[in-house]
Amino acid sequence: MPANARSHAVLTTESKVTIRGQTTIPAPVREALKLKPGQDSIHYEILPGGQVFMCRLGDEQEDHTMNAFLRFLDTDIQNNPQKTRPFNIQHSTFNIQHSTRKETCRWHGRQH
């Protein structure tokens, strides 16, 4: 793992890979992802440079703040359609790739 990636880590842990290509997910990772044995699935995404992003697939808890914000946007767009304009990705400074990586896990199965 690159040194700069480790500087952002809250906790690091390791596990061995068995001869059958299996591993046990360390307890701190299971707890952080709130994995329920026999119930949850895991989504893996291979990133450039050989890093792997892993997250739990499953029922996400409803984000009331985000839902309120989305309702606000919906109402504002309906009440003020003249103020809407197309999004131009070339002029955006927002890191789309980093943001959507997290959303892929959250909404997996709904975007494909």
PDB file of N, CA and C in Angstrom:
ATOM      1  N   MET A   1       0.846  -1.174   0.000  1.00  0.00           N
ATOM      2  CA  MET A   1       0.000   0.000   0.000  1.00  0.00           C
ATOM      3  C   MET A   1       0.888   1.232   0.000  1.00  0.00           C
ATOM      4  N   PRO A   2       0.564   2.218  -0.850  1.00  0.00           N
ATOM      5  CA  PRO A   2       1.382   3.420  -0.883  1.00  0.00           C
ATOM      6  C   PRO A   2       1.356   4.145   0.459  1.00  0.00           C
ATOM      7  N   ALA A   3       2.448   4.809   0.779  1.00  0.00           N
ATOM      8  CA  ALA A   3       2.550   5.509   2.058  1.00  0.00           C
ATOM      9  C   ALA A   3       1.461   6.563   2.211  1.00  0.00           C
ATOM     10  N   ASN A   4       1.114   7.275   1.125  1.00  0.00           N
ATOM     11  CA  ASN A   4       0.103   8.332   1.237  1.00  0.00           C
ATOM     12  C   ASN A   4      -1.281   7.764   1.518  1.00  0.00           C
ATOM     13  N   ALA A   5      -1.559   6.539   1.099  1.00  0.00           N
ATOM     14  CA  ALA A   5      -2.851   5.918   1.394  1.00  0.00           C
ATOM     15  C   ALA A   5      -2.925   5.544   2.868  1.00  0.00           C
ATOM     16  N   ARG A   6      -1.824   5.117   3.439  1.00  0.00           N
ATOM     17  CA  ARG A   6      -1.809   4.738   4.845  1.00  0.00           C
ATOM     18  C   ARG A   6      -2.032   5.933   5.757  1.00  0.00           C
ATOM     19  N   SER A   7      -1.626   7.097   5.346  1.00  0.00           N
ATOM     20  CA  SER A   7      -1.759   8.266   6.211  1.00  0.00           C
ATOM     21  C   SER A   7      -3.215   8.612   6.469  1.00  0.00           C
ATOM     22  N   HIS A   8      -4.140   8.133   5.634  1.00  0.00           N
ATOM     23  CA  HIS A   8      -5.560   8.416   5.799  1.00  0.00           C
ATOM     24  C   HIS A   8      -6.267   7.291   6.552  1.00  0.00           C
ATOM     25  N   ALA A   9      -5.591   6.209   6.821  1.00  0.00           N
ATOM     26  CA  ALA A   9      -6.210   5.054   7.450  1.00  0.00           C
ATOM     27  C   ALA A   9      -6.467   5.316   8.931  1.00  0.00           C
ATOM     28  N   VAL A  10      -7.633   4.878   9.392  1.00  0.00           N
ATOM     29  CA  VAL A  10      -7.964   4.956  10.798  1.00  0.00           C
ATOM     30  C   VAL A  10      -7.384   3.749  11.518  1.00  0.00           C
ATOM     31  N   LEU A  11      -7.379   2.624  10.830  1.00  0.00           N
ATOM     32  CA  LEU A  11      -6.881   1.381  11.384  1.00  0.00           C
ATOM     33  C   LEU A  11      -6.350   0.539  10.242  1.00  0.00           C
ATOM     34  N   THR A  12      -5.266  -0.162  10.463  1.00  0.00           N
ATOM     35  CA  THR A  12      -4.788  -1.112   9.470  1.00  0.00           C
ATOM     36  C   THR A  12      -4.805  -2.497  10.087  1.00  0.00           C
ATOM     37  N   THR A  13      -5.068  -3.488   9.270  1.00  0.00           N
ATOM     38  CA  THR A  13      -5.106  -4.868   9.713  1.00  0.00           C
ATOM     39  C   THR A  13      -4.774  -5.757   8.529  1.00  0.00           C
ATOM     40  N   GLU A  14      -4.485  -6.994   8.785  1.00  0.00           N
ATOM     41  CA  GLU A  14      -4.079  -7.916   7.728  1.00  0.00           C
ATOM     42  C   GLU A  14      -4.781  -9.252   7.910  1.00  0.00           C
ATOM     43  N   SER A  15      -4.807 -10.029   6.826  1.00  0.00           N
ATOM     44  CA  SER A  15      -5.266 -11.416   6.899  1.00  0.00           C
ATOM     45  C   SER A  15      -4.510 -12.210   5.852  1.00  0.00           C
ATOM     46  N   LYS A  16      -4.380 -13.502   6.092  1.00  0.00           N
ATOM     47  CA  LYS A  16      -3.685 -14.375   5.145  1.00  0.00           C
ATOM     48  C   LYS A  16      -4.679 -14.961   4.158  1.00  0.00           C
ATOM     49  N   VAL A  17      -4.176 -15.285   2.981  1.00  0.00           N
ATOM     50  CA  VAL A  17      -4.979 -15.947   1.954  1.00  0.00           C
ATOM     51  C   VAL A  17      -4.645 -17.431   2.007  1.00  0.00           C
ATOM     52  N   THR A  18      -5.700 -18.249   2.082  1.00  0.00           N
ATOM     53  CA  THR A  18      -5.481 -19.699   2.146  1.00  0.00           C
ATOM     54  C   THR A  18      -5.087 -20.232   0.780  1.00  0.00           C
ATOM     55  N   ILE A  19      -4.700 -21.477   0.733  1.00  0.00           N
ATOM     56  CA  ILE A  19      -4.315 -22.129  -0.512  1.00  0.00           C
ATOM     57  C   ILE A  19      -5.493 -22.162  -1.504  1.00  0.00           C
ATOM     58  N   ARG A  20      -6.721 -22.078  -0.969  1.00  0.00           N
ATOM     59  CA  ARG A  20      -7.921 -22.067  -1.815  1.00  0.00           C
ATOM     60  C   ARG A  20      -8.324 -20.654  -2.230  1.00  0.00           C
ATOM     61  N   GLY A  21      -7.497 -19.651  -1.903  1.00  0.00           N
ATOM     62  CA  GLY A  21      -7.782 -18.276  -2.290  1.00  0.00           C
ATOM     63  C   GLY A  21      -8.804 -17.593  -1.393  1.00  0.00           C
ATOM     64  N   GLN A  22      -8.995 -18.107  -0.195  1.00  0.00           N
ATOM     65  CA  GLN A  22      -9.958 -17.535   0.738  1.00  0.00           C
ATOM     66  C   GLN A  22      -9.240 -16.803   1.857  1.00  0.00           C
ATOM     67  N   THR A  23      -9.968 -15.913   2.509  1.00  0.00           N
ATOM     68  CA  THR A  23      -9.425 -15.198   3.656  1.00  0.00           C
ATOM     69  C   THR A  23     -10.549 -14.932   4.640  1.00  0.00           C
ATOM     70  N   THR A  24     -10.192 -14.738   5.870  1.00  0.00           N
ATOM     71  CA  THR A  24     -11.160 -14.324   6.881  1.00  0.00           C
ATOM     72  C   THR A  24     -11.089 -12.813   6.979  1.00  0.00           C
ATOM     73  N   ILE A  25     -12.233 -12.168   6.942  1.00  0.00           N
ATOM     74  CA  ILE A  25     -12.251 -10.714   7.087  1.00  0.00           C
ATOM     75  C   ILE A  25     -11.981 -10.409   8.555  1.00  0.00           C
ATOM     76  N   PRO A  26     -10.945  -9.637   8.835  1.00  0.00           N
ATOM     77  CA  PRO A  26     -10.601  -9.345  10.224  1.00  0.00           C
ATOM     78  C   PRO A  26     -11.765  -8.680  10.977  1.00  0.00           C
ATOM     79  N   ALA A  27     -11.876  -8.985  12.253  1.00  0.00           N
ATOM     80  CA  ALA A  27     -12.968  -8.468  13.084  1.00  0.00           C
ATOM     81  C   ALA A  27     -13.120  -6.950  13.002  1.00  0.00           C
ATOM     82  N   PRO A  28     -12.030  -6.150  13.053  1.00  0.00           N
ATOM     83  CA  PRO A  28     -12.219  -4.688  12.968  1.00  0.00           C
ATOM     84  C   PRO A  28     -12.866  -4.255  11.647  1.00  0.00           C
ATOM     85  N   VAL A  29     -12.560  -4.965  10.565  1.00  0.00           N
ATOM     86  CA  VAL A  29     -13.156  -4.642   9.265  1.00  0.00           C
ATOM     87  C   VAL A  29     -14.636  -5.039   9.269  1.00  0.00           C
ATOM     88  N   ARG A  30     -14.934  -6.231   9.786  1.00  0.00           N
ATOM     89  CA  ARG A  30     -16.339  -6.681   9.876  1.00  0.00           C
ATOM     90  C   ARG A  30     -17.163  -5.694  10.694  1.00  0.00           C
ATOM     91  N   GLU A  31     -16.587  -5.234  11.791  1.00  0.00           N
ATOM     92  CA  GLU A  31     -17.297  -4.278  12.645  1.00  0.00           C
ATOM     93  C   GLU A  31     -17.474  -2.930  11.956  1.00  0.00           C
ATOM     94  N   ALA A  32     -16.431  -2.445  11.287  1.00  0.00           N
ATOM     95  CA  ALA A  32     -16.509  -1.152  10.602  1.00  0.00           C
ATOM     96  C   ALA A  32     -17.544  -1.170   9.486  1.00  0.00           C
ATOM     97  N   LEU A  33     -17.649  -2.310   8.783  1.00  0.00           N
ATOM     98  CA  LEU A  33     -18.613  -2.435   7.687  1.00  0.00           C
ATOM     99  C   LEU A  33     -19.978  -2.911   8.171  1.00  0.00           C
ATOM    100  N   LYS A  34     -20.068  -3.223   9.456  1.00  0.00           N
ATOM    101  CA  LYS A  34     -21.309  -3.729  10.053  1.00  0.00           C
ATOM    102  C   LYS A  34     -21.810  -4.966   9.311  1.00  0.00           C
ATOM    103  N   LEU A  35     -20.871  -5.891   9.050  1.00  0.00           N
ATOM    104  CA  LEU A  35     -21.202  -7.114   8.319  1.00  0.00           C
ATOM    105  C   LEU A  35     -21.915  -8.102   9.226  1.00  0.00           C
ATOM    106  N   LYS A  36     -22.973  -8.681   8.695  1.00  0.00           N
ATOM    107  CA  LYS A  36     -23.723  -9.715   9.415  1.00  0.00           C
ATOM    108  C   LYS A  36     -23.428 -11.048   8.737  1.00  0.00           C
ATOM    109  N   PRO A  37     -22.786 -11.986   9.449  1.00  0.00           N
ATOM    110  CA  PRO A  37     -22.449 -13.285   8.855  1.00  0.00           C
ATOM    111  C   PRO A  37     -23.688 -13.985   8.292  1.00  0.00           C
ATOM    112  N   GLY A  38     -23.543 -14.490   7.075  1.00  0.00           N
ATOM    113  CA  GLY A  38     -24.633 -15.216   6.432  1.00  0.00           C
ATOM    114  C   GLY A  38     -25.705 -14.331   5.832  1.00  0.00           C
ATOM    115  N   GLN A  39     -25.613 -13.014   6.030  1.00  0.00           N
ATOM    116  CA  GLN A  39     -26.637 -12.104   5.516  1.00  0.00           C
ATOM    117  C   GLN A  39     -26.101 -11.114   4.493  1.00  0.00           C
ATOM    118  N   ASP A  40     -24.925 -10.563   4.756  1.00  0.00           N
ATOM    119  CA  ASP A  40     -24.399  -9.492   3.909  1.00  0.00           C
ATOM    120  C   ASP A  40     -23.487 -10.021   2.814  1.00  0.00           C
ATOM    121  N   SER A  41     -23.379  -9.234   1.770  1.00  0.00           N
ATOM    122  CA  SER A  41     -22.449  -9.494   0.673  1.00  0.00           C
ATOM    123  C   SER A  41     -21.470  -8.331   0.608  1.00  0.00           C
ATOM    124  N   ILE A  42     -20.347  -8.578  -0.047  1.00  0.00           N
ATOM    125  CA  ILE A  42     -19.305  -7.563  -0.161  1.00  0.00           C
ATOM    126  C   ILE A  42     -19.088  -7.240  -1.636  1.00  0.00           C
ATOM    127  N   HIS A  43     -18.900  -5.965  -1.916  1.00  0.00           N
ATOM    128  CA  HIS A  43     -18.604  -5.484  -3.265  1.00  0.00           C
ATOM    129  C   HIS A  43     -17.128  -5.104  -3.301  1.00  0.00           C
ATOM    130  N   TYR A  44     -16.399  -5.586  -4.320  1.00  0.00           N
ATOM    131  CA  TYR A  44     -14.988  -5.252  -4.503  1.00  0.00           C
ATOM    132  C   TYR A  44     -14.850  -4.450  -5.788  1.00  0.00           C
ATOM    133  N   GLU A  45     -13.987  -3.457  -5.750  1.00  0.00           N
ATOM    134  CA  GLU A  45     -13.695  -2.664  -6.934  1.00  0.00           C
ATOM    135  C   GLU A  45     -12.186  -2.522  -7.035  1.00  0.00           C
ATOM    136  N   ILE A  46     -11.613  -2.977  -8.137  1.00  0.00           N
ATOM    137  CA  ILE A  46     -10.166  -2.901  -8.345  1.00  0.00           C
ATOM    138  C   ILE A  46      -9.842  -1.534  -8.920  1.00  0.00           C
ATOM    139  N   LEU A  47      -8.962  -0.817  -8.246  1.00  0.00           N
ATOM    140  CA  LEU A  47      -8.599   0.542  -8.632  1.00  0.00           C
ATOM    141  C   LEU A  47      -7.255   0.541  -9.339  1.00  0.00           C
ATOM    142  N   PRO A  48      -6.970   1.602 -10.093  1.00  0.00           N
ATOM    143  CA  PRO A  48      -5.661   1.709 -10.723  1.00  0.00           C
ATOM    144  C   PRO A  48      -4.568   1.630  -9.660  1.00  0.00           C
ATOM    145  N   GLY A  49      -3.491   0.996  -9.986  1.00  0.00           N
ATOM    146  CA  GLY A  49      -2.381   0.872  -9.051  1.00  0.00           C
ATOM    147  C   GLY A  49      -2.478  -0.350  -8.151  1.00  0.00           C
ATOM    148  N   GLY A  50      -3.477  -1.196  -8.392  1.00  0.00           N
ATOM    149  CA  GLY A  50      -3.579  -2.436  -7.634  1.00  0.00           C
ATOM    150  C   GLY A  50      -4.297  -2.350  -6.305  1.00  0.00           C
ATOM    151  N   GLN A  51      -4.852  -1.200  -5.958  1.00  0.00           N
ATOM    152  CA  GLN A  51      -5.618  -1.098  -4.721  1.00  0.00           C
ATOM    153  C   GLN A  51      -7.026  -1.635  -4.956  1.00  0.00           C
ATOM    154  N   VAL A  52      -7.644  -2.093  -3.880  1.00  0.00           N
ATOM    155  CA  VAL A  52      -8.998  -2.622  -3.969  1.00  0.00           C
ATOM    156  C   VAL A  52      -9.876  -1.881  -2.981  1.00  0.00           C
ATOM    157  N   PHE A  53     -11.004  -1.411  -3.460  1.00  0.00           N
ATOM    158  CA  PHE A  53     -12.002  -0.763  -2.618  1.00  0.00           C
ATOM    159  C   PHE A  53     -13.040  -1.813  -2.280  1.00  0.00           C
ATOM    160  N   MET A  54     -13.392  -1.952  -1.004  1.00  0.00           N
ATOM    161  CA  MET A  54     -14.328  -2.969  -0.553  1.00  0.00           C
ATOM    162  C   MET A  54     -15.400  -2.308   0.296  1.00  0.00           C
ATOM    163  N   CYS A  55     -16.660  -2.683   0.072  1.00  0.00           N
ATOM    164  CA  CYS A  55     -17.729  -2.169   0.915  1.00  0.00           C
ATOM    165  C   CYS A  55     -18.844  -3.192   1.021  1.00  0.00           C
ATOM    166  N   ARG A  56     -19.671  -3.012   2.020  1.00  0.00           N
ATOM    167  CA  ARG A  56     -20.795  -3.922   2.254  1.00  0.00           C
ATOM    168  C   ARG A  56     -21.927  -3.578   1.304  1.00  0.00           C
ATOM    169  N   LEU A  57     -22.511  -4.614   0.720  1.00  0.00           N
ATOM    170  CA  LEU A  57     -23.742  -4.453  -0.029  1.00  0.00           C
ATOM    171  C   LEU A  57     -24.870  -4.843   0.899  1.00  0.00           C
ATOM    172  N   GLY A  58     -25.923  -4.146   0.839  1.00  0.00           N
ATOM    173  CA  GLY A  58     -27.043  -4.497   1.699  1.00  0.00           C
ATOM    174  C   GLY A  58     -27.950  -3.318   1.888  1.00  0.00           C
ATOM    175  N   ASP A  59     -28.900  -3.501   2.737  1.00  0.00           N
ATOM    176  CA  ASP A  59     -29.849  -2.434   3.011  1.00  0.00           C
ATOM    177  C   ASP A  59     -29.133  -1.300   3.709  1.00  0.00           C
ATOM    178  N   GLU A  60     -29.107  -0.164   3.074  1.00  0.00           N
ATOM    179  CA  GLU A  60     -28.507   1.014   3.686  1.00  0.00           C
ATOM    180  C   GLU A  60     -29.550   1.674   4.575  1.00  0.00           C
ATOM    181  N   GLN A  61     -29.096   2.221   5.671  1.00  0.00           N
ATOM    182  CA  GLN A  61     -30.010   2.976   6.501  1.00  0.00           C
ATOM    183  C   GLN A  61     -30.358   4.255   5.764  1.00  0.00           C
ATOM    184  N   GLU A  62     -31.581   4.669   5.905  1.00  0.00           N
ATOM    185  CA  GLU A  62     -32.054   5.855   5.220  1.00  0.00           C
ATOM    186  C   GLU A  62     -31.314   7.082   5.742  1.00  0.00           C
ATOM    187  N   ASP A  63     -30.862   7.912   4.833  1.00  0.00           N
ATOM    188  CA  ASP A  63     -30.164   9.143   5.181  1.00  0.00           C
ATOM    189  C   ASP A  63     -31.193  10.274   5.144  1.00  0.00           C
ATOM    190  N   HIS A  64     -31.731  10.624   6.305  1.00  0.00           N
ATOM    191  CA  HIS A  64     -32.797  11.621   6.374  1.00  0.00           C
ATOM    192  C   HIS A  64     -32.335  12.997   5.913  1.00  0.00           C
ATOM    193  N   THR A  65     -31.099  13.344   6.213  1.00  0.00           N
ATOM    194  CA  THR A  65     -30.575  14.640   5.781  1.00  0.00           C
ATOM    195  C   THR A  65     -30.487  14.697   4.265  1.00  0.00           C
ATOM    196  N   MET A  66     -29.956  13.627   3.651  1.00  0.00           N
ATOM    197  CA  MET A  66     -29.851  13.598   2.190  1.00  0.00           C
ATOM    198  C   MET A  66     -31.236  13.594   1.550  1.00  0.00           C
ATOM    199  N   ASN A  67     -32.165  12.832   2.107  1.00  0.00           N
ATOM    200  CA  ASN A  67     -33.526  12.802   1.563  1.00  0.00           C
ATOM    201  C   ASN A  67     -34.184  14.172   1.631  1.00  0.00           C
ATOM    202  N   ALA A  68     -33.993  14.893   2.732  1.00  0.00           N
ATOM    203  CA  ALA A  68     -34.550  16.241   2.856  1.00  0.00           C
ATOM    204  C   ALA A  68     -33.928  17.167   1.816  1.00  0.00           C
ATOM    205  N   PHE A  69     -32.631  17.045   1.617  1.00  0.00           N
ATOM    206  CA  PHE A  69     -31.954  17.870   0.617  1.00  0.00           C
ATOM    207  C   PHE A  69     -32.459  17.556  -0.791  1.00  0.00           C
ATOM    208  N   LEU A  70     -32.628  16.272  -1.102  1.00  0.00           N
ATOM    209  CA  LEU A  70     -33.126  15.887  -2.425  1.00  0.00           C
ATOM    210  C   LEU A  70     -34.560  16.368  -2.644  1.00  0.00           C
ATOM    211  N   ARG A  71     -35.384  16.326  -1.592  1.00  0.00           N
ATOM    212  CA  ARG A  71     -36.752  16.862  -1.715  1.00  0.00           C
ATOM    213  C   ARG A  71     -36.707  18.368  -1.973  1.00  0.00           C
ATOM    214  N   PHE A  72     -35.797  19.055  -1.279  1.00  0.00           N
ATOM    215  CA  PHE A  72     -35.628  20.490  -1.492  1.00  0.00           C
ATOM    216  C   PHE A  72     -35.245  20.778  -2.944  1.00  0.00           C
ATOM    217  N   LEU A  73     -34.267  20.023  -3.454  1.00  0.00           N
ATOM    218  CA  LEU A  73     -33.847  20.213  -4.846  1.00  0.00           C
ATOM    219  C   LEU A  73     -35.003  19.948  -5.813  1.00  0.00           C
ATOM    220  N   ASP A  74     -35.725  18.876  -5.574  1.00  0.00           N
ATOM    221  CA  ASP A  74     -36.855  18.529  -6.440  1.00  0.00           C
ATOM    222  C   ASP A  74     -37.882  19.659  -6.464  1.00  0.00           C
ATOM    223  N   THR A  75     -38.232  20.164  -5.304  1.00  0.00           N
ATOM    224  CA  THR A  75     -39.210  21.256  -5.215  1.00  0.00           C
ATOM    225  C   THR A  75     -38.681  22.506  -5.899  1.00  0.00           C
ATOM    226  N   ASP A  76     -37.406  22.832  -5.663  1.00  0.00           N
ATOM    227  CA  ASP A  76     -36.810  24.020  -6.266  1.00  0.00           C
ATOM    228  C   ASP A  76     -36.779  23.915  -7.791  1.00  0.00           C
ATOM    229  N   ILE A  77     -36.443  22.745  -8.304  1.00  0.00           N
ATOM    230  CA  ILE A  77     -36.403  22.559  -9.767  1.00  0.00           C
ATOM    231  C   ILE A  77     -37.805  22.676 -10.357  1.00  0.00           C
ATOM    232  N   GLN A  78     -38.786  22.098  -9.677  1.00  0.00           N
ATOM    233  CA  GLN A  78     -40.162  22.191 -10.178  1.00  0.00           C
ATOM    234  C   GLN A  78     -40.681  23.623 -10.123  1.00  0.00           C
ATOM    235  N   ASN A  79     -40.343  24.351  -9.070  1.00  0.00           N
ATOM    236  CA  ASN A  79     -40.826  25.729  -8.923  1.00  0.00           C
ATOM    237  C   ASN A  79     -40.040  26.740  -9.745  1.00  0.00           C
ATOM    238  N   ASN A  80     -38.818  26.415 -10.110  1.00  0.00           N
ATOM    239  CA  ASN A  80     -37.954  27.352 -10.843  1.00  0.00           C
ATOM    240  C   ASN A  80     -37.237  26.665 -12.006  1.00  0.00           C
ATOM    241  N   PRO A  81     -37.979  26.089 -12.954  1.00  0.00           N
ATOM    242  CA  PRO A  81     -37.315  25.361 -14.047  1.00  0.00           C
ATOM    243  C   PRO A  81     -36.405  26.251 -14.892  1.00  0.00           C
ATOM    244  N   GLN A  82     -36.668  27.537 -14.919  1.00  0.00           N
ATOM    245  CA  GLN A  82     -35.850  28.459 -15.707  1.00  0.00           C
ATOM    246  C   GLN A  82     -34.431  28.590 -15.148  1.00  0.00           C
ATOM    247  N   LYS A  83     -34.230  28.201 -13.907  1.00  0.00           N
ATOM    248  CA  LYS A  83     -32.912  28.299 -13.283  1.00  0.00           C
ATOM    249  C   LYS A  83     -32.053  27.057 -13.482  1.00  0.00           C
ATOM    250  N   THR A  84     -32.612  25.999 -14.044  1.00  0.00           N
ATOM    251  CA  THR A  84     -31.823  24.782 -14.244  1.00  0.00           C
ATOM    252  C   THR A  84     -30.985  24.909 -15.501  1.00  0.00           C
ATOM    253  N   ARG A  85     -29.835  24.295 -15.468  1.00  0.00           N
ATOM    254  CA  ARG A  85     -28.946  24.293 -16.629  1.00  0.00           C
ATOM    255  C   ARG A  85     -28.178  22.981 -16.648  1.00  0.00           C
ATOM    256  N   PRO A  86     -27.703  22.562 -17.805  1.00  0.00           N
ATOM    257  CA  PRO A  86     -26.972  21.290 -17.895  1.00  0.00           C
ATOM    258  C   PRO A  86     -25.661  21.347 -17.117  1.00  0.00           C
ATOM    259  N   PHE A  87     -25.267  20.212 -16.599  1.00  0.00           N
ATOM    260  CA  PHE A  87     -24.003  20.097 -15.881  1.00  0.00           C
ATOM    261  C   PHE A  87     -22.885  19.909 -16.884  1.00  0.00           C
ATOM    262  N   ASN A  88     -21.835  20.714 -16.788  1.00  0.00           N
ATOM    263  CA  ASN A  88     -20.691  20.625 -17.681  1.00  0.00           C
ATOM    264  C   ASN A  88     -19.521  20.054 -16.894  1.00  0.00           C
ATOM    265  N   ILE A  89     -19.225  18.782 -17.141  1.00  0.00           N
ATOM    266  CA  ILE A  89     -18.183  18.094 -16.381  1.00  0.00           C
ATOM    267  C   ILE A  89     -16.800  18.697 -16.619  1.00  0.00           C
ATOM    268  N   GLN A  90     -16.574  19.292 -17.772  1.00  0.00           N
ATOM    269  CA  GLN A  90     -15.258  19.865 -18.065  1.00  0.00           C
ATOM    270  C   GLN A  90     -14.961  21.082 -17.200  1.00  0.00           C
ATOM    271  N   HIS A  91     -15.983  21.760 -16.711  1.00  0.00           N
ATOM    272  CA  HIS A  91     -15.773  22.939 -15.875  1.00  0.00           C
ATOM    273  C   HIS A  91     -15.892  22.619 -14.390  1.00  0.00           C
ATOM    274  N   SER A  92     -16.097  21.386 -14.075  1.00  0.00           N
ATOM    275  CA  SER A  92     -16.280  21.002 -12.683  1.00  0.00           C
ATOM    276  C   SER A  92     -14.937  20.715 -12.024  1.00  0.00           C
ATOM    277  N   THR A  93     -14.796  21.137 -10.785  1.00  0.00           N
ATOM    278  CA  THR A  93     -13.586  20.803 -10.029  1.00  0.00           C
ATOM    279  C   THR A  93     -13.862  19.664  -9.064  1.00  0.00           C
ATOM    280  N   PHE A  94     -15.064  19.135  -9.095  1.00  0.00           N
ATOM    281  CA  PHE A  94     -15.469  18.044  -8.209  1.00  0.00           C
ATOM    282  C   PHE A  94     -14.886  16.734  -8.712  1.00  0.00           C
ATOM    283  N   ASN A  95     -14.354  15.922  -7.808  1.00  0.00           N
ATOM    284  CA  ASN A  95     -13.739  14.658  -8.192  1.00  0.00           C
ATOM    285  C   ASN A  95     -14.823  13.592  -8.348  1.00  0.00           C
ATOM    286  N   ILE A  96     -15.362  13.470  -9.564  1.00  0.00           N
ATOM    287  CA  ILE A  96     -16.458  12.545  -9.835  1.00  0.00           C
ATOM    288  C   ILE A  96     -16.046  11.102  -9.567  1.00  0.00           C
ATOM    289  N   GLN A  97     -14.876  10.704  -9.979  1.00  0.00           N
ATOM    290  CA  GLN A  97     -14.469   9.310  -9.832  1.00  0.00           C
ATOM    291  C   GLN A  97     -14.452   8.892  -8.367  1.00  0.00           C
ATOM    292  N   HIS A  98     -13.914   9.709  -7.486  1.00  0.00           N
ATOM    293  CA  HIS A  98     -13.849   9.371  -6.065  1.00  0.00           C
ATOM    294  C   HIS A  98     -15.250   9.295  -5.459  1.00  0.00           C
ATOM    295  N   SER A  99     -16.100  10.242  -5.840  1.00  0.00           N
ATOM    296  CA  SER A  99     -17.450  10.289  -5.286  1.00  0.00           C
ATOM    297  C   SER A  99     -18.274   9.088  -5.716  1.00  0.00           C
ATOM    298  N   THR A 100     -18.246   8.725  -6.992  1.00  0.00           N
ATOM    299  CA  THR A 100     -19.093   7.640  -7.472  1.00  0.00           C
ATOM    300  C   THR A 100     -18.620   6.287  -6.992  1.00  0.00           C
ATOM    301  N   ARG A 101     -17.354   6.161  -6.625  1.00  0.00           N
ATOM    302  CA  ARG A 101     -16.863   4.882  -6.106  1.00  0.00           C
ATOM    303  C   ARG A 101     -17.651   4.507  -4.853  1.00  0.00           C
ATOM    304  N   LYS A 102     -17.914   5.464  -3.980  1.00  0.00           N
ATOM    305  CA  LYS A 102     -18.662   5.198  -2.762  1.00  0.00           C
ATOM    306  C   LYS A 102     -20.133   4.919  -3.085  1.00  0.00           C
ATOM    307  N   GLU A 103     -20.694   5.656  -4.013  1.00  0.00           N
ATOM    308  CA  GLU A 103     -22.100   5.483  -4.349  1.00  0.00           C
ATOM    309  C   GLU A 103     -22.358   4.152  -5.044  1.00  0.00           C
ATOM    310  N   THR A 104     -21.368   3.617  -5.750  1.00  0.00           N
ATOM    311  CA  THR A 104     -21.551   2.321  -6.399  1.00  0.00           C
ATOM    312  C   THR A 104     -21.912   1.274  -5.370  1.00  0.00           C
ATOM    313  N   CYS A 105     -21.256   1.322  -4.225  1.00  0.00           N
ATOM    314  CA  CYS A 105     -21.552   0.349  -3.171  1.00  0.00           C
ATOM    315  C   CYS A 105     -22.897   0.622  -2.543  1.00  0.00           C
ATOM    316  N   ARG A 106     -23.189   1.847  -2.320  1.00  0.00           N
ATOM    317  CA  ARG A 106     -24.425   2.204  -1.640  1.00  0.00           C
ATOM    318  C   ARG A 106     -25.645   1.836  -2.461  1.00  0.00           C
ATOM    319  N   TRP A 107     -25.544   2.011  -3.756  1.00  0.00           N
ATOM    320  CA  TRP A 107     -26.703   1.798  -4.627  1.00  0.00           C
ATOM    321  C   TRP A 107     -26.499   0.645  -5.586  1.00  0.00           C
ATOM    322  N   HIS A 108     -25.586  -0.253  -5.304  1.00  0.00           N
ATOM    323  CA  HIS A 108     -25.279  -1.363  -6.199  1.00  0.00           C
ATOM    324  C   HIS A 108     -26.546  -2.132  -6.554  1.00  0.00           C
ATOM    325  N   GLY A 109     -26.691  -2.430  -7.805  1.00  0.00           N
ATOM    326  CA  GLY A 109     -27.867  -3.164  -8.258  1.00  0.00           C
ATOM    327  C   GLY A 109     -28.944  -2.233  -8.765  1.00  0.00           C
ATOM    328  N   ARG A 110     -28.873  -0.967  -8.401  1.00  0.00           N
ATOM    329  CA  ARG A 110     -29.880  -0.007  -8.857  1.00  0.00           C
ATOM    330  C   ARG A 110     -29.368   0.830 -10.022  1.00  0.00           C
ATOM    331  N   GLN A 111     -28.053   0.855 -10.215  1.00  0.00           N
ATOM    332  CA  GLN A 111     -27.492   1.686 -11.277  1.00  0.00           C
ATOM    333  C   GLN A 111     -27.189   0.896 -12.543  1.00  0.00           C
ATOM    334  N   HIS A 112     -27.032  -0.408 -12.450  1.00  0.00           N
ATOM    335  CA  HIS A 112     -26.569  -1.191 -13.596  1.00  0.00           C
ATOM    336  C   HIS A 112     -27.651  -1.473 -14.572  1.00  0.00           C
TER     337      HIS A 112
END
